[in-house]
């Protein structure tokens, strides 16, 4: 494994661009590890409707960056008190949605520091039942990254102000607020340290005490390409906010495997336009799925037959044909 040093950049658009660059252009036979912090930033999942996830007044007033990641899942708020990690590796066919594989090294390191972290639910690391980390993944061309947050010393008061949490999500879990279900790692350390010392400890334990951690040296050419990716995608309004047509029908439902939200323009009983939003975890590009439903009758038997011909789990993870039908009708 090789450490990818991002020079502690706080610009999350560049951090995501570096992650994507490593995924697509660095050696396919190597596994890379990177850490990144960021200025106050809201990150929405690949398939979410950005404007419905954020509190725009708060975002503007407090100059919070908003960007979208390649991976699925829900929206998160981070600041310099959060340390995120990313493992970038070859996809062995048994990696997508295998969060244990990629979080286990982090969990072991946290245990060394006296933090009793556990992998629970779909993709969370918790301490005493409270969340310290959310994780998500993205696969392409035989490569995968699995990244996650580590709430070390985040100002948790800003989390609920910057985001518009899905009420159905918390009602279904009996959760009263975002603040009541998260905690900072620093509160659980046996020995106090700052976030830079914390990062150094993680590196030490993940690399099992190696004296000389293997590092990839980013060249000027690498950085030029990384900056171009940031401009083209993570700073691009169309990528972050997207353009949606007018819809005359909306159907949404939450399942244990995630929320799915269909926005459709149905004319004379036929789906003319469709956009799918949600915090589900699927390997496939949901835009491909949308194209498969254009021109199909908005009729339960017809859509049931159509969905049966599609690998729904490829696009929606744990959500299959029956869940999608239940959401559509």
C-alpha atoms as a PDB file:
ATOM      1  CA  UNK A   1       0.000   0.000   0.000  1.00  0.00           C
ATOM      2  CA  UNK A   2       1.206   3.515  -0.883  1.00  0.00           C
ATOM      3  CA  UNK A   3       0.411   6.727   0.983  1.00  0.00           C
ATOM      4  CA  UNK A   4      -0.913   9.548  -1.199  1.00  0.00           C
ATOM      5  CA  UNK A   5      -0.070  12.819   0.547  1.00  0.00           C
ATOM      6  CA  UNK A   6      -2.449  15.655  -0.342  1.00  0.00           C
ATOM      7  CA  UNK A   7      -0.405  18.271   1.564  1.00  0.00           C
ATOM      8  CA  UNK A   8      -3.356  18.818   3.940  1.00  0.00           C
ATOM      9  CA  UNK A   9      -5.293  20.828   1.348  1.00  0.00           C
ATOM     10  CA  UNK A  10      -8.589  22.166   2.691  1.00  0.00           C
ATOM     11  CA  UNK A  11     -10.155  22.613  -0.766  1.00  0.00           C
ATOM     12  CA  UNK A  12     -12.432  19.586  -1.054  1.00  0.00           C
ATOM     13  CA  UNK A  13     -12.884  20.004  -4.802  1.00  0.00           C
ATOM     14  CA  UNK A  14      -9.151  19.339  -5.178  1.00  0.00           C
ATOM     15  CA  UNK A  15      -9.228  16.456  -2.712  1.00  0.00           C
ATOM     16  CA  UNK A  16     -11.989  14.736  -4.668  1.00  0.00           C
ATOM     17  CA  UNK A  17     -10.147  15.465  -7.906  1.00  0.00           C
ATOM     18  CA  UNK A  18      -6.986  13.863  -6.492  1.00  0.00           C
ATOM     19  CA  UNK A  19      -8.994  10.834  -5.398  1.00  0.00           C
ATOM     20  CA  UNK A  20     -10.540  10.475  -8.865  1.00  0.00           C
ATOM     21  CA  UNK A  21      -7.171  10.971 -10.540  1.00  0.00           C
ATOM     22  CA  UNK A  22      -5.618   8.205  -8.439  1.00  0.00           C
ATOM     23  CA  UNK A  23      -8.564   5.931  -9.162  1.00  0.00           C
ATOM     24  CA  UNK A  24      -8.374   6.348 -12.929  1.00  0.00           C
ATOM     25  CA  UNK A  25      -4.770   7.120 -13.758  1.00  0.00           C
ATOM     26  CA  UNK A  26      -2.367   5.719 -11.158  1.00  0.00           C
ATOM     27  CA  UNK A  27      -1.139   2.109 -11.264  1.00  0.00           C
ATOM     28  CA  UNK A  28      -4.041  -0.348 -11.279  1.00  0.00           C
ATOM     29  CA  UNK A  29      -1.928  -2.875  -9.393  1.00  0.00           C
ATOM     30  CA  UNK A  30      -1.289  -0.629  -6.375  1.00  0.00           C
ATOM     31  CA  UNK A  31      -3.459   0.193  -3.381  1.00  0.00           C
ATOM     32  CA  UNK A  32      -3.343   3.825  -2.272  1.00  0.00           C
ATOM     33  CA  UNK A  33      -4.367   5.455   1.002  1.00  0.00           C
ATOM     34  CA  UNK A  34      -5.106   9.144   1.326  1.00  0.00           C
ATOM     35  CA  UNK A  35      -6.422  11.365   4.104  1.00  0.00           C
ATOM     36  CA  UNK A  36      -8.072  14.739   3.612  1.00  0.00           C
ATOM     37  CA  UNK A  37      -9.529  17.561   5.668  1.00  0.00           C
ATOM     38  CA  UNK A  38     -11.592  20.440   4.364  1.00  0.00           C
ATOM     39  CA  UNK A  39     -12.875  23.927   5.020  1.00  0.00           C
ATOM     40  CA  UNK A  40     -16.588  23.969   6.007  1.00  0.00           C
ATOM     41  CA  UNK A  41     -18.176  21.931   3.210  1.00  0.00           C
ATOM     42  CA  UNK A  42     -21.406  20.131   2.443  1.00  0.00           C
ATOM     43  CA  UNK A  43     -20.956  17.048   0.282  1.00  0.00           C
ATOM     44  CA  UNK A  44     -23.993  15.461  -1.342  1.00  0.00           C
ATOM     45  CA  UNK A  45     -24.156  11.891  -2.596  1.00  0.00           C
ATOM     46  CA  UNK A  46     -23.972  11.121  -6.305  1.00  0.00           C
ATOM     47  CA  UNK A  47     -27.725  10.552  -6.690  1.00  0.00           C
ATOM     48  CA  UNK A  48     -29.106  13.243  -4.394  1.00  0.00           C
ATOM     49  CA  UNK A  49     -31.046  16.383  -5.285  1.00  0.00           C
ATOM     50  CA  UNK A  50     -28.661  19.011  -3.923  1.00  0.00           C
ATOM     51  CA  UNK A  51     -31.107  21.882  -3.403  1.00  0.00           C
ATOM     52  CA  UNK A  52     -33.364  19.671  -1.294  1.00  0.00           C
ATOM     53  CA  UNK A  53     -30.508  18.467   0.915  1.00  0.00           C
ATOM     54  CA  UNK A  54     -29.011  21.801   1.946  1.00  0.00           C
ATOM     55  CA  UNK A  55     -30.099  24.904   3.844  1.00  0.00           C
ATOM     56  CA  UNK A  56     -29.182  27.434   1.173  1.00  0.00           C
ATOM     57  CA  UNK A  57     -29.575  30.501   3.416  1.00  0.00           C
ATOM     58  CA  UNK A  58     -27.144  29.037   5.913  1.00  0.00           C
ATOM     59  CA  UNK A  59     -24.755  27.930   3.149  1.00  0.00           C
ATOM     60  CA  UNK A  60     -24.578  31.426   1.651  1.00  0.00           C
ATOM     61  CA  UNK A  61     -24.379  33.296   4.962  1.00  0.00           C
ATOM     62  CA  UNK A  62     -21.571  31.100   6.286  1.00  0.00           C
ATOM     63  CA  UNK A  63     -19.714  30.686   2.972  1.00  0.00           C
ATOM     64  CA  UNK A  64     -19.919  26.895   3.068  1.00  0.00           C
ATOM     65  CA  UNK A  65     -18.608  25.068   0.006  1.00  0.00           C
ATOM     66  CA  UNK A  66     -21.048  22.681  -1.676  1.00  0.00           C
ATOM     67  CA  UNK A  67     -19.879  19.848  -3.907  1.00  0.00           C
ATOM     68  CA  UNK A  68     -20.965  16.393  -5.016  1.00  0.00           C
ATOM     69  CA  UNK A  69     -18.980  13.166  -4.722  1.00  0.00           C
ATOM     70  CA  UNK A  70     -18.835  10.256  -7.157  1.00  0.00           C
ATOM     71  CA  UNK A  71     -20.110   7.781  -4.565  1.00  0.00           C
ATOM     72  CA  UNK A  72     -23.681   7.271  -3.383  1.00  0.00           C
ATOM     73  CA  UNK A  73     -25.146   7.758   0.074  1.00  0.00           C
ATOM     74  CA  UNK A  74     -26.378  10.827   1.906  1.00  0.00           C
ATOM     75  CA  UNK A  75     -25.313  14.423   2.412  1.00  0.00           C
ATOM     76  CA  UNK A  76     -22.717  15.288   5.062  1.00  0.00           C
ATOM     77  CA  UNK A  77     -21.296  18.459   6.594  1.00  0.00           C
ATOM     78  CA  UNK A  78     -17.570  18.559   7.330  1.00  0.00           C
ATOM     79  CA  UNK A  79     -15.092  21.115   8.604  1.00  0.00           C
ATOM     80  CA  UNK A  80     -11.336  21.031   9.426  1.00  0.00           C
ATOM     81  CA  UNK A  81     -12.163  18.968  12.527  1.00  0.00           C
ATOM     82  CA  UNK A  82     -13.067  16.024  10.301  1.00  0.00           C
ATOM     83  CA  UNK A  83     -10.443  13.712   8.840  1.00  0.00           C
ATOM     84  CA  UNK A  84     -11.600  11.615   5.903  1.00  0.00           C
ATOM     85  CA  UNK A  85      -9.810   8.545   4.583  1.00  0.00           C
ATOM     86  CA  UNK A  86      -9.894   6.858   1.187  1.00  0.00           C
ATOM     87  CA  UNK A  87      -8.601   3.461   0.087  1.00  0.00           C
ATOM     88  CA  UNK A  88      -8.122   3.235  -3.680  1.00  0.00           C
ATOM     89  CA  UNK A  89      -7.592  -0.316  -4.927  1.00  0.00           C
ATOM     90  CA  UNK A  90      -8.179  -2.892  -7.627  1.00  0.00           C
ATOM     91  CA  UNK A  91     -11.763  -4.166  -7.649  1.00  0.00           C
ATOM     92  CA  UNK A  92     -11.517  -7.887  -6.953  1.00  0.00           C
ATOM     93  CA  UNK A  93     -15.235  -8.434  -7.592  1.00  0.00           C
ATOM     94  CA  UNK A  94     -15.985  -8.764  -3.877  1.00  0.00           C
ATOM     95  CA  UNK A  95     -15.273  -5.206  -2.747  1.00  0.00           C
ATOM     96  CA  UNK A  96     -18.347  -3.100  -3.564  1.00  0.00           C
ATOM     97  CA  UNK A  97     -20.557  -2.752  -0.472  1.00  0.00           C
ATOM     98  CA  UNK A  98     -17.920  -4.672   1.512  1.00  0.00           C
ATOM     99  CA  UNK A  99     -17.310  -1.898   4.011  1.00  0.00           C
ATOM    100  CA  UNK A 100     -15.740  -4.192   6.566  1.00  0.00           C
ATOM    101  CA  UNK A 101     -12.829  -4.870   4.216  1.00  0.00           C
ATOM    102  CA  UNK A 102     -11.873  -1.204   4.021  1.00  0.00           C
ATOM    103  CA  UNK A 103     -12.847   0.034   7.479  1.00  0.00           C
ATOM    104  CA  UNK A 104     -11.151  -2.790   9.417  1.00  0.00           C
ATOM    105  CA  UNK A 105      -7.665  -1.168   9.265  1.00  0.00           C
ATOM    106  CA  UNK A 106      -9.159   2.086  10.576  1.00  0.00           C
ATOM    107  CA  UNK A 107     -11.096   0.298  13.310  1.00  0.00           C
ATOM    108  CA  UNK A 108      -7.947  -1.509  14.445  1.00  0.00           C
ATOM    109  CA  UNK A 109      -6.046   1.789  14.574  1.00  0.00           C
ATOM    110  CA  UNK A 110      -8.830   3.405  16.607  1.00  0.00           C
ATOM    111  CA  UNK A 111      -8.774   0.482  19.047  1.00  0.00           C
ATOM    112  CA  UNK A 112      -5.045   1.107  19.579  1.00  0.00           C
ATOM    113  CA  UNK A 113      -5.998   4.642  20.642  1.00  0.00           C
ATOM    114  CA  UNK A 114      -8.622   3.385  23.069  1.00  0.00           C
ATOM    115  CA  UNK A 115     -11.634   4.132  20.870  1.00  0.00           C
ATOM    116  CA  UNK A 116     -14.111   1.229  20.847  1.00  0.00           C
ATOM    117  CA  UNK A 117     -15.233   1.688  17.238  1.00  0.00           C
ATOM    118  CA  UNK A 118     -17.580  -0.753  15.504  1.00  0.00           C
ATOM    119  CA  UNK A 119     -19.008  -1.145  12.000  1.00  0.00           C
ATOM    120  CA  UNK A 120     -22.800  -0.960  12.269  1.00  0.00           C
ATOM    121  CA  UNK A 121     -25.776  -0.475   9.961  1.00  0.00           C
ATOM    122  CA  UNK A 122     -25.246  -0.016   6.247  1.00  0.00           C
ATOM    123  CA  UNK A 123     -21.974   1.850   6.344  1.00  0.00           C
ATOM    124  CA  UNK A 124     -21.341   3.558   9.689  1.00  0.00           C
ATOM    125  CA  UNK A 125     -18.621   3.374  12.308  1.00  0.00           C
ATOM    126  CA  UNK A 126     -19.965   4.000  15.791  1.00  0.00           C
ATOM    127  CA  UNK A 127     -18.786   4.432  19.364  1.00  0.00           C
ATOM    128  CA  UNK A 128     -21.271   3.690  22.147  1.00  0.00           C
ATOM    129  CA  UNK A 129     -24.043   3.627  19.544  1.00  0.00           C
ATOM    130  CA  UNK A 130     -23.190   7.080  18.167  1.00  0.00           C
ATOM    131  CA  UNK A 131     -21.857   7.672  14.669  1.00  0.00           C
ATOM    132  CA  UNK A 132     -18.255   8.756  14.114  1.00  0.00           C
ATOM    133  CA  UNK A 133     -17.948   7.794  10.446  1.00  0.00           C
ATOM    134  CA  UNK A 134     -20.052   7.328   7.334  1.00  0.00           C
ATOM    135  CA  UNK A 135     -18.655   5.439   4.345  1.00  0.00           C
ATOM    136  CA  UNK A 136     -19.343   5.195   0.622  1.00  0.00           C
ATOM    137  CA  UNK A 137     -17.794   3.588  -2.464  1.00  0.00           C
ATOM    138  CA  UNK A 138     -17.400   4.015  -6.197  1.00  0.00           C
ATOM    139  CA  UNK A 139     -16.262   1.516  -8.832  1.00  0.00           C
ATOM    140  CA  UNK A 140     -15.100   2.034 -12.407  1.00  0.00           C
ATOM    141  CA  UNK A 141     -12.910   0.206 -14.910  1.00  0.00           C
ATOM    142  CA  UNK A 142     -11.745  -2.454 -12.486  1.00  0.00           C
ATOM    143  CA  UNK A 143     -10.899   0.013  -9.717  1.00  0.00           C
ATOM    144  CA  UNK A 144     -12.686   1.018  -6.514  1.00  0.00           C
ATOM    145  CA  UNK A 145     -12.361   3.647  -3.852  1.00  0.00           C
ATOM    146  CA  UNK A 146     -13.903   3.277  -0.421  1.00  0.00           C
ATOM    147  CA  UNK A 147     -13.891   6.495   1.544  1.00  0.00           C
ATOM    148  CA  UNK A 148     -15.251   7.586   4.882  1.00  0.00           C
ATOM    149  CA  UNK A 149     -15.375  10.437   7.343  1.00  0.00           C
ATOM    150  CA  UNK A 150     -13.824  10.444  10.803  1.00  0.00           C
ATOM    151  CA  UNK A 151     -15.513  12.999  13.045  1.00  0.00           C
ATOM    152  CA  UNK A 152     -12.541  13.937  15.193  1.00  0.00           C
ATOM    153  CA  UNK A 153     -13.405  17.399  16.504  1.00  0.00           C
ATOM    154  CA  UNK A 154     -16.168  18.705  14.230  1.00  0.00           C
ATOM    155  CA  UNK A 155     -18.422  21.584  15.320  1.00  0.00           C
ATOM    156  CA  UNK A 156     -21.526  19.404  15.455  1.00  0.00           C
ATOM    157  CA  UNK A 157     -23.814  22.380  15.971  1.00  0.00           C
ATOM    158  CA  UNK A 158     -23.370  23.269  12.303  1.00  0.00           C
ATOM    159  CA  UNK A 159     -24.383  19.838  10.993  1.00  0.00           C
ATOM    160  CA  UNK A 160     -28.118  20.248  11.488  1.00  0.00           C
ATOM    161  CA  UNK A 161     -28.031  23.888  10.384  1.00  0.00           C
ATOM    162  CA  UNK A 162     -26.295  23.246   7.066  1.00  0.00           C
ATOM    163  CA  UNK A 163     -28.372  20.214   6.077  1.00  0.00           C
ATOM    164  CA  UNK A 164     -32.053  19.494   5.627  1.00  0.00           C
ATOM    165  CA  UNK A 165     -32.245  15.946   7.044  1.00  0.00           C
ATOM    166  CA  UNK A 166     -34.797  13.512   5.660  1.00  0.00           C
ATOM    167  CA  UNK A 167     -37.453  13.384   8.368  1.00  0.00           C
ATOM    168  CA  UNK A 168     -38.576   9.912   7.300  1.00  0.00           C
ATOM    169  CA  UNK A 169     -35.068   8.597   7.938  1.00  0.00           C
ATOM    170  CA  UNK A 170     -34.993   9.731  11.533  1.00  0.00           C
ATOM    171  CA  UNK A 171     -38.612   8.882  12.251  1.00  0.00           C
ATOM    172  CA  UNK A 172     -38.061   5.323  11.019  1.00  0.00           C
ATOM    173  CA  UNK A 173     -35.104   4.962  13.377  1.00  0.00           C
ATOM    174  CA  UNK A 174     -36.659   6.769  16.320  1.00  0.00           C
ATOM    175  CA  UNK A 175     -33.922   9.420  16.149  1.00  0.00           C
ATOM    176  CA  UNK A 176     -34.723  12.887  17.471  1.00  0.00           C
ATOM    177  CA  UNK A 177     -31.925  14.852  15.820  1.00  0.00           C
ATOM    178  CA  UNK A 178     -28.656  14.692  13.951  1.00  0.00           C
ATOM    179  CA  UNK A 179     -26.778  16.030  16.976  1.00  0.00           C
ATOM    180  CA  UNK A 180     -28.101  13.309  19.285  1.00  0.00           C
ATOM    181  CA  UNK A 181     -26.755  10.464  17.146  1.00  0.00           C
ATOM    182  CA  UNK A 182     -23.182  11.591  16.389  1.00  0.00           C
ATOM    183  CA  UNK A 183     -20.081  12.040  18.512  1.00  0.00           C
ATOM    184  CA  UNK A 184     -16.511  13.234  18.095  1.00  0.00           C
ATOM    185  CA  UNK A 185     -13.657  10.752  18.336  1.00  0.00           C
ATOM    186  CA  UNK A 186     -11.599  13.145  20.449  1.00  0.00           C
ATOM    187  CA  UNK A 187     -14.046  12.707  23.323  1.00  0.00           C
ATOM    188  CA  UNK A 188     -13.257   8.977  23.427  1.00  0.00           C
ATOM    189  CA  UNK A 189      -9.458   8.995  23.226  1.00  0.00           C
ATOM    190  CA  UNK A 190      -7.491   7.605  26.151  1.00  0.00           C
ATOM    191  CA  UNK A 191      -4.809  10.239  25.520  1.00  0.00           C
ATOM    192  CA  UNK A 192      -5.772  13.612  24.053  1.00  0.00           C
ATOM    193  CA  UNK A 193      -4.149  14.767  20.818  1.00  0.00           C
ATOM    194  CA  UNK A 194      -4.815  17.215  18.011  1.00  0.00           C
ATOM    195  CA  UNK A 195      -6.006  16.167  14.569  1.00  0.00           C
ATOM    196  CA  UNK A 196      -2.510  16.174  13.064  1.00  0.00           C
ATOM    197  CA  UNK A 197      -1.260  13.832  15.773  1.00  0.00           C
ATOM    198  CA  UNK A 198      -4.374  11.723  15.214  1.00  0.00           C
ATOM    199  CA  UNK A 199      -3.584  11.408  11.507  1.00  0.00           C
ATOM    200  CA  UNK A 200       0.014  10.443  12.310  1.00  0.00           C
ATOM    201  CA  UNK A 201      -1.228   7.742  14.681  1.00  0.00           C
ATOM    202  CA  UNK A 202      -3.596   6.360  12.059  1.00  0.00           C
ATOM    203  CA  UNK A 203      -0.774   6.143   9.534  1.00  0.00           C
ATOM    204  CA  UNK A 204       1.457   4.445  12.093  1.00  0.00           C
ATOM    205  CA  UNK A 205      -1.077   1.744  12.933  1.00  0.00           C
ATOM    206  CA  UNK A 206      -2.474   1.220   9.425  1.00  0.00           C
ATOM    207  CA  UNK A 207       1.058   0.756   8.057  1.00  0.00           C
ATOM    208  CA  UNK A 208       1.802  -1.447  11.078  1.00  0.00           C
ATOM    209  CA  UNK A 209       4.618   0.679  12.414  1.00  0.00           C
ATOM    210  CA  UNK A 210       6.697   0.836   9.244  1.00  0.00           C
ATOM    211  CA  UNK A 211       9.617   3.251   9.671  1.00  0.00           C
ATOM    212  CA  UNK A 212       9.428   4.436   6.075  1.00  0.00           C
ATOM    213  CA  UNK A 213       5.895   4.620   4.743  1.00  0.00           C
ATOM    214  CA  UNK A 214       5.836   4.196   0.930  1.00  0.00           C
ATOM    215  CA  UNK A 215       4.693   7.461  -0.657  1.00  0.00           C
ATOM    216  CA  UNK A 216       3.678   8.512  -4.150  1.00  0.00           C
ATOM    217  CA  UNK A 217       5.259  11.809  -5.181  1.00  0.00           C
ATOM    218  CA  UNK A 218       2.778  13.915  -7.149  1.00  0.00           C
ATOM    219  CA  UNK A 219       4.425  15.700 -10.072  1.00  0.00           C
ATOM    220  CA  UNK A 220       3.568  19.092 -11.542  1.00  0.00           C
ATOM    221  CA  UNK A 221       1.892  17.227 -14.421  1.00  0.00           C
ATOM    222  CA  UNK A 222      -0.203  15.254 -11.912  1.00  0.00           C
ATOM    223  CA  UNK A 223      -1.341  18.473 -10.244  1.00  0.00           C
ATOM    224  CA  UNK A 224      -2.245  20.063 -13.572  1.00  0.00           C
ATOM    225  CA  UNK A 225      -4.503  17.112 -14.343  1.00  0.00           C
ATOM    226  CA  UNK A 226      -5.975  17.160 -10.826  1.00  0.00           C
ATOM    227  CA  UNK A 227      -6.829  20.862 -11.070  1.00  0.00           C
ATOM    228  CA  UNK A 228      -8.494  20.254 -14.441  1.00  0.00           C
ATOM    229  CA  UNK A 229     -10.643  17.474 -12.937  1.00  0.00           C
ATOM    230  CA  UNK A 230     -11.673  19.799 -10.096  1.00  0.00           C
ATOM    231  CA  UNK A 231     -12.741  22.493 -12.563  1.00  0.00           C
ATOM    232  CA  UNK A 232     -14.504  20.077 -14.893  1.00  0.00           C
ATOM    233  CA  UNK A 233     -16.437  18.214 -12.219  1.00  0.00           C
ATOM    234  CA  UNK A 234     -16.320  19.242  -8.567  1.00  0.00           C
ATOM    235  CA  UNK A 235     -16.554  23.002  -9.186  1.00  0.00           C
ATOM    236  CA  UNK A 236     -18.981  22.608 -12.081  1.00  0.00           C
ATOM    237  CA  UNK A 237     -22.498  23.905 -11.346  1.00  0.00           C
ATOM    238  CA  UNK A 238     -24.123  21.252 -13.524  1.00  0.00           C
ATOM    239  CA  UNK A 239     -22.375  18.463 -11.607  1.00  0.00           C
ATOM    240  CA  UNK A 240     -23.036  19.906  -8.156  1.00  0.00           C
ATOM    241  CA  UNK A 241     -26.619  21.088  -8.620  1.00  0.00           C
ATOM    242  CA  UNK A 242     -27.705  19.542 -11.897  1.00  0.00           C
ATOM    243  CA  UNK A 243     -30.465  20.595 -14.220  1.00  0.00           C
ATOM    244  CA  UNK A 244     -33.853  18.928 -13.839  1.00  0.00           C
ATOM    245  CA  UNK A 245     -36.848  19.194 -16.181  1.00  0.00           C
ATOM    246  CA  UNK A 246     -40.326  20.044 -14.956  1.00  0.00           C
ATOM    247  CA  UNK A 247     -42.063  17.043 -13.421  1.00  0.00           C
ATOM    248  CA  UNK A 248     -45.724  16.277 -12.968  1.00  0.00           C
ATOM    249  CA  UNK A 249     -45.362  13.140 -10.859  1.00  0.00           C
ATOM    250  CA  UNK A 250     -43.239  12.363  -7.825  1.00  0.00           C
ATOM    251  CA  UNK A 251     -43.039   9.016  -6.014  1.00  0.00           C
ATOM    252  CA  UNK A 252     -40.672   8.340  -3.125  1.00  0.00           C
ATOM    253  CA  UNK A 253     -40.170   5.722  -0.429  1.00  0.00           C
ATOM    254  CA  UNK A 254     -37.551   4.791   2.178  1.00  0.00           C
ATOM    255  CA  UNK A 255     -36.355   1.219   2.637  1.00  0.00           C
ATOM    256  CA  UNK A 256     -33.680  -0.326   4.880  1.00  0.00           C
ATOM    257  CA  UNK A 257     -31.364  -0.225   1.848  1.00  0.00           C
ATOM    258  CA  UNK A 258     -31.882   3.509   1.296  1.00  0.00           C
ATOM    259  CA  UNK A 259     -34.335   6.100   0.027  1.00  0.00           C
ATOM    260  CA  UNK A 260     -35.378   6.275  -3.627  1.00  0.00           C
ATOM    261  CA  UNK A 261     -37.183   9.264  -5.124  1.00  0.00           C
ATOM    262  CA  UNK A 262     -38.635   9.191  -8.655  1.00  0.00           C
ATOM    263  CA  UNK A 263     -39.468  12.442 -10.472  1.00  0.00           C
ATOM    264  CA  UNK A 264     -41.322  11.815 -13.720  1.00  0.00           C
ATOM    265  CA  UNK A 265     -42.953  13.697 -16.516  1.00  0.00           C
ATOM    266  CA  UNK A 266     -45.769  11.396 -17.631  1.00  0.00           C
ATOM    267  CA  UNK A 267     -47.863  12.340 -20.664  1.00  0.00           C
ATOM    268  CA  UNK A 268     -50.704  10.211 -22.039  1.00  0.00           C
ATOM    269  CA  UNK A 269     -49.622   7.456 -19.654  1.00  0.00           C
ATOM    270  CA  UNK A 270     -46.029   7.284 -20.947  1.00  0.00           C
ATOM    271  CA  UNK A 271     -42.837   8.287 -19.088  1.00  0.00           C
ATOM    272  CA  UNK A 272     -41.283  11.075 -21.155  1.00  0.00           C
ATOM    273  CA  UNK A 273     -38.709  12.255 -18.626  1.00  0.00           C
ATOM    274  CA  UNK A 274     -37.447  10.763 -15.379  1.00  0.00           C
ATOM    275  CA  UNK A 275     -34.847  11.583 -12.748  1.00  0.00           C
ATOM    276  CA  UNK A 276     -33.979   9.342  -9.825  1.00  0.00           C
ATOM    277  CA  UNK A 277     -32.642  10.694  -6.544  1.00  0.00           C
ATOM    278  CA  UNK A 278     -31.758   9.008  -3.270  1.00  0.00           C
ATOM    279  CA  UNK A 279     -29.100   7.892  -0.806  1.00  0.00           C
ATOM    280  CA  UNK A 280     -28.909   4.281  -2.024  1.00  0.00           C
ATOM    281  CA  UNK A 281     -25.589   2.609  -2.845  1.00  0.00           C
ATOM    282  CA  UNK A 282     -25.398   1.209  -6.360  1.00  0.00           C
ATOM    283  CA  UNK A 283     -22.417   0.401  -8.552  1.00  0.00           C
ATOM    284  CA  UNK A 284     -24.051   1.459 -11.816  1.00  0.00           C
ATOM    285  CA  UNK A 285     -24.759   4.969 -13.095  1.00  0.00           C
ATOM    286  CA  UNK A 286     -28.430   5.642 -12.354  1.00  0.00           C
ATOM    287  CA  UNK A 287     -28.568   7.886 -15.454  1.00  0.00           C
ATOM    288  CA  UNK A 288     -28.337   4.682 -17.507  1.00  0.00           C
ATOM    289  CA  UNK A 289     -31.312   3.280 -15.596  1.00  0.00           C
ATOM    290  CA  UNK A 290     -33.344   6.430 -16.262  1.00  0.00           C
ATOM    291  CA  UNK A 291     -32.841   6.079 -20.031  1.00  0.00           C
ATOM    292  CA  UNK A 292     -34.221   2.524 -19.896  1.00  0.00           C
ATOM    293  CA  UNK A 293     -37.567   3.785 -18.558  1.00  0.00           C
ATOM    294  CA  UNK A 294     -38.121   6.620 -21.018  1.00  0.00           C
ATOM    295  CA  UNK A 295     -40.950   5.707 -23.393  1.00  0.00           C
ATOM    296  CA  UNK A 296     -42.303   3.011 -21.065  1.00  0.00           C
ATOM    297  CA  UNK A 297     -45.957   3.093 -19.973  1.00  0.00           C
ATOM    298  CA  UNK A 298     -46.509   4.227 -16.407  1.00  0.00           C
ATOM    299  CA  UNK A 299     -48.411   1.042 -15.664  1.00  0.00           C
ATOM    300  CA  UNK A 300     -47.587  -1.420 -12.889  1.00  0.00           C
ATOM    301  CA  UNK A 301     -47.609  -4.657 -14.979  1.00  0.00           C
ATOM    302  CA  UNK A 302     -45.659  -3.003 -17.782  1.00  0.00           C
ATOM    303  CA  UNK A 303     -43.066  -1.519 -15.423  1.00  0.00           C
ATOM    304  CA  UNK A 304     -42.860  -4.802 -13.512  1.00  0.00           C
ATOM    305  CA  UNK A 305     -41.952  -6.591 -16.726  1.00  0.00           C
ATOM    306  CA  UNK A 306     -39.479  -3.867 -17.680  1.00  0.00           C
ATOM    307  CA  UNK A 307     -37.744  -3.899 -14.270  1.00  0.00           C
ATOM    308  CA  UNK A 308     -37.491  -7.693 -14.424  1.00  0.00           C
ATOM    309  CA  UNK A 309     -35.274  -7.275 -17.491  1.00  0.00           C
ATOM    310  CA  UNK A 310     -32.940  -4.858 -15.669  1.00  0.00           C
ATOM    311  CA  UNK A 311     -30.313  -5.693 -13.056  1.00  0.00           C
ATOM    312  CA  UNK A 312     -31.843  -3.323 -10.498  1.00  0.00           C
ATOM    313  CA  UNK A 313     -29.322  -4.236  -7.794  1.00  0.00           C
ATOM    314  CA  UNK A 314     -26.527  -3.010 -10.062  1.00  0.00           C
ATOM    315  CA  UNK A 315     -27.995   0.487  -9.945  1.00  0.00           C
ATOM    316  CA  UNK A 316     -29.635   0.510  -6.498  1.00  0.00           C
ATOM    317  CA  UNK A 317     -27.576  -1.843  -4.333  1.00  0.00           C
ATOM    318  CA  UNK A 318     -29.839  -3.607  -1.862  1.00  0.00           C
ATOM    319  CA  UNK A 319     -32.975  -2.272  -3.561  1.00  0.00           C
ATOM    320  CA  UNK A 320     -34.446  -4.665  -6.126  1.00  0.00           C
ATOM    321  CA  UNK A 321     -37.431  -4.843  -8.452  1.00  0.00           C
ATOM    322  CA  UNK A 322     -40.064  -5.167  -5.719  1.00  0.00           C
ATOM    323  CA  UNK A 323     -38.786  -2.182  -3.737  1.00  0.00           C
ATOM    324  CA  UNK A 324     -38.629  -0.033  -6.859  1.00  0.00           C
ATOM    325  CA  UNK A 325     -42.179  -1.003  -7.829  1.00  0.00           C
ATOM    326  CA  UNK A 326     -43.373  -0.184  -4.316  1.00  0.00           C
ATOM    327  CA  UNK A 327     -41.765   3.248  -4.620  1.00  0.00           C
ATOM    328  CA  UNK A 328     -43.104   3.885  -8.131  1.00  0.00           C
ATOM    329  CA  UNK A 329     -46.698   3.141  -7.128  1.00  0.00           C
END
